[in-house]
C-alpha cells in the first residue's frame, strides 16, 4: 500500500514468508527488511546475503539485545556490513 501511495509500486517486487521464500526468487533484491529472532539470523545469514543485490540495503529487527555481538559478527561474516543499530527495550534492529 505504501509503495502504491508513493507511486513506485510498479517498480517494486515484494515477497512475504519464511526465509525460504528468498531462495525461490529468481532475482536478488535491492533491499531486504526482516523481523527475525537471533537464532534465525545466525542460521540463515548466508541466504539473506545471497538474496540481496550487491550494494543493496538490509535491515533486520527482532534480535534480543544480549545476542547483539554474535548476530553482528554473523552478518559481517557473510558480507552484510552493520552500519547502524537501534535498541528498543531488550530488542535490537540492525541496518
C-alpha atoms as a PDB file:
ATOM      1  CA  UNK A   1       0.000   0.000   0.000  1.00  0.00           C
ATOM      2  CA  UNK A   2       2.834   2.424   0.816  1.00  0.00           C
ATOM      3  CA  UNK A   3       4.551   1.705  -2.490  1.00  0.00           C
ATOM      4  CA  UNK A   4       1.321   2.482  -4.357  1.00  0.00           C
ATOM      5  CA  UNK A   5       0.744   5.663  -2.340  1.00  0.00           C
ATOM      6  CA  UNK A   6       4.234   6.838  -3.266  1.00  0.00           C
ATOM      7  CA  UNK A   7       3.903   5.970  -6.953  1.00  0.00           C
ATOM      8  CA  UNK A   8       6.590   3.274  -7.001  1.00  0.00           C
ATOM      9  CA  UNK A   9       4.543   0.048  -6.849  1.00  0.00           C
ATOM     10  CA  UNK A  10       5.239  -0.784 -10.490  1.00  0.00           C
ATOM     11  CA  UNK A  11       8.983  -0.810  -9.721  1.00  0.00           C
ATOM     12  CA  UNK A  12       8.663  -2.962  -6.597  1.00  0.00           C
ATOM     13  CA  UNK A  13       8.579  -6.690  -6.007  1.00  0.00           C
ATOM     14  CA  UNK A  14       7.552  -7.945  -2.591  1.00  0.00           C
ATOM     15  CA  UNK A  15       7.925 -11.385  -1.059  1.00  0.00           C
ATOM     16  CA  UNK A  16       6.473 -12.289   2.311  1.00  0.00           C
ATOM     17  CA  UNK A  17       7.008 -15.557   4.093  1.00  0.00           C
ATOM     18  CA  UNK A  18       9.693 -17.510   5.842  1.00  0.00           C
ATOM     19  CA  UNK A  19      13.367 -17.244   4.916  1.00  0.00           C
ATOM     20  CA  UNK A  20      12.852 -19.989   2.327  1.00  0.00           C
ATOM     21  CA  UNK A  21      10.817 -17.623   0.147  1.00  0.00           C
ATOM     22  CA  UNK A  22      14.051 -15.789  -0.703  1.00  0.00           C
ATOM     23  CA  UNK A  23      15.549 -18.868  -2.360  1.00  0.00           C
ATOM     24  CA  UNK A  24      12.514 -19.136  -4.635  1.00  0.00           C
ATOM     25  CA  UNK A  25      13.046 -15.662  -6.081  1.00  0.00           C
ATOM     26  CA  UNK A  26      14.777 -15.539  -9.462  1.00  0.00           C
ATOM     27  CA  UNK A  27      16.373 -12.117  -8.999  1.00  0.00           C
ATOM     28  CA  UNK A  28      18.133 -10.647  -5.972  1.00  0.00           C
ATOM     29  CA  UNK A  29      16.504  -7.784  -4.091  1.00  0.00           C
ATOM     30  CA  UNK A  30      17.668  -4.164  -3.820  1.00  0.00           C
ATOM     31  CA  UNK A  31      16.551  -4.151  -0.189  1.00  0.00           C
ATOM     32  CA  UNK A  32      15.560  -6.710   2.423  1.00  0.00           C
ATOM     33  CA  UNK A  33      13.627  -5.969   5.608  1.00  0.00           C
ATOM     34  CA  UNK A  34      13.010  -8.745   8.104  1.00  0.00           C
ATOM     35  CA  UNK A  35      11.831  -9.305  11.647  1.00  0.00           C
ATOM     36  CA  UNK A  36      13.803 -12.354  12.770  1.00  0.00           C
ATOM     37  CA  UNK A  37      14.968 -13.792  16.057  1.00  0.00           C
ATOM     38  CA  UNK A  38      18.718 -14.108  16.592  1.00  0.00           C
ATOM     39  CA  UNK A  39      18.650 -17.898  16.016  1.00  0.00           C
ATOM     40  CA  UNK A  40      17.150 -17.430  12.548  1.00  0.00           C
ATOM     41  CA  UNK A  41      19.595 -14.680  11.630  1.00  0.00           C
ATOM     42  CA  UNK A  42      22.512 -16.877  12.687  1.00  0.00           C
ATOM     43  CA  UNK A  43      21.175 -19.893  10.795  1.00  0.00           C
ATOM     44  CA  UNK A  44      20.217 -18.059   7.601  1.00  0.00           C
ATOM     45  CA  UNK A  45      22.677 -15.142   7.336  1.00  0.00           C
ATOM     46  CA  UNK A  46      24.201 -16.566   4.159  1.00  0.00           C
ATOM     47  CA  UNK A  47      20.800 -16.947   2.499  1.00  0.00           C
ATOM     48  CA  UNK A  48      19.924 -13.373   3.385  1.00  0.00           C
ATOM     49  CA  UNK A  49      23.176 -12.114   1.889  1.00  0.00           C
ATOM     50  CA  UNK A  50      22.698 -14.155  -1.322  1.00  0.00           C
ATOM     51  CA  UNK A  51      19.180 -12.774  -1.757  1.00  0.00           C
ATOM     52  CA  UNK A  52      20.495  -9.200  -1.728  1.00  0.00           C
ATOM     53  CA  UNK A  53      21.846  -7.459  -4.825  1.00  0.00           C
ATOM     54  CA  UNK A  54      25.443  -6.132  -4.387  1.00  0.00           C
ATOM     55  CA  UNK A  55      25.228  -2.672  -2.852  1.00  0.00           C
ATOM     56  CA  UNK A  56      21.687  -3.340  -1.614  1.00  0.00           C
ATOM     57  CA  UNK A  57      20.299  -2.397   1.776  1.00  0.00           C
ATOM     58  CA  UNK A  58      19.445  -4.782   4.584  1.00  0.00           C
ATOM     59  CA  UNK A  59      17.586  -4.134   7.836  1.00  0.00           C
ATOM     60  CA  UNK A  60      16.616  -6.696  10.446  1.00  0.00           C
ATOM     61  CA  UNK A  61      14.811  -6.326  13.740  1.00  0.00           C
ATOM     62  CA  UNK A  62      13.723  -8.736  16.438  1.00  0.00           C
ATOM     63  CA  UNK A  63      17.144  -9.630  17.810  1.00  0.00           C
ATOM     64  CA  UNK A  64      17.343  -9.797  21.578  1.00  0.00           C
ATOM     65  CA  UNK A  65      19.990  -7.354  22.788  1.00  0.00           C
ATOM     66  CA  UNK A  66      22.064  -9.908  24.719  1.00  0.00           C
ATOM     67  CA  UNK A  67      22.897 -11.653  21.399  1.00  0.00           C
ATOM     68  CA  UNK A  68      23.899  -8.440  19.616  1.00  0.00           C
ATOM     69  CA  UNK A  69      27.592  -9.291  19.204  1.00  0.00           C
ATOM     70  CA  UNK A  70      27.165 -12.746  17.713  1.00  0.00           C
ATOM     71  CA  UNK A  71      24.453 -11.530  15.322  1.00  0.00           C
ATOM     72  CA  UNK A  72      26.568  -8.596  14.133  1.00  0.00           C
ATOM     73  CA  UNK A  73      29.549 -10.910  13.573  1.00  0.00           C
ATOM     74  CA  UNK A  74      27.398 -13.421  11.644  1.00  0.00           C
ATOM     75  CA  UNK A  75      26.032 -10.697   9.373  1.00  0.00           C
ATOM     76  CA  UNK A  76      29.500  -9.279   8.754  1.00  0.00           C
ATOM     77  CA  UNK A  77      30.951 -12.756   8.013  1.00  0.00           C
ATOM     78  CA  UNK A  78      28.571 -13.081   5.054  1.00  0.00           C
ATOM     79  CA  UNK A  79      29.300  -9.574   3.775  1.00  0.00           C
ATOM     80  CA  UNK A  80      26.400  -7.651   5.307  1.00  0.00           C
ATOM     81  CA  UNK A  81      28.024  -4.606   6.905  1.00  0.00           C
ATOM     82  CA  UNK A  82      26.244  -3.405  10.023  1.00  0.00           C
ATOM     83  CA  UNK A  83      26.135   0.375   9.590  1.00  0.00           C
ATOM     84  CA  UNK A  84      23.588   1.209  12.260  1.00  0.00           C
ATOM     85  CA  UNK A  85      21.776  -0.181  15.256  1.00  0.00           C
ATOM     86  CA  UNK A  86      18.661   0.873  17.155  1.00  0.00           C
ATOM     87  CA  UNK A  87      17.607  -0.536  20.516  1.00  0.00           C
ATOM     88  CA  UNK A  88      14.126  -0.529  21.977  1.00  0.00           C
ATOM     89  CA  UNK A  89      13.784  -2.205  25.330  1.00  0.00           C
ATOM     90  CA  UNK A  90      15.619  -5.524  25.038  1.00  0.00           C
ATOM     91  CA  UNK A  91      15.371  -5.670  21.223  1.00  0.00           C
ATOM     92  CA  UNK A  92      17.896  -4.562  18.599  1.00  0.00           C
ATOM     93  CA  UNK A  93      17.437  -3.673  14.966  1.00  0.00           C
ATOM     94  CA  UNK A  94      20.388  -3.568  12.550  1.00  0.00           C
ATOM     95  CA  UNK A  95      20.973  -1.958   9.187  1.00  0.00           C
END
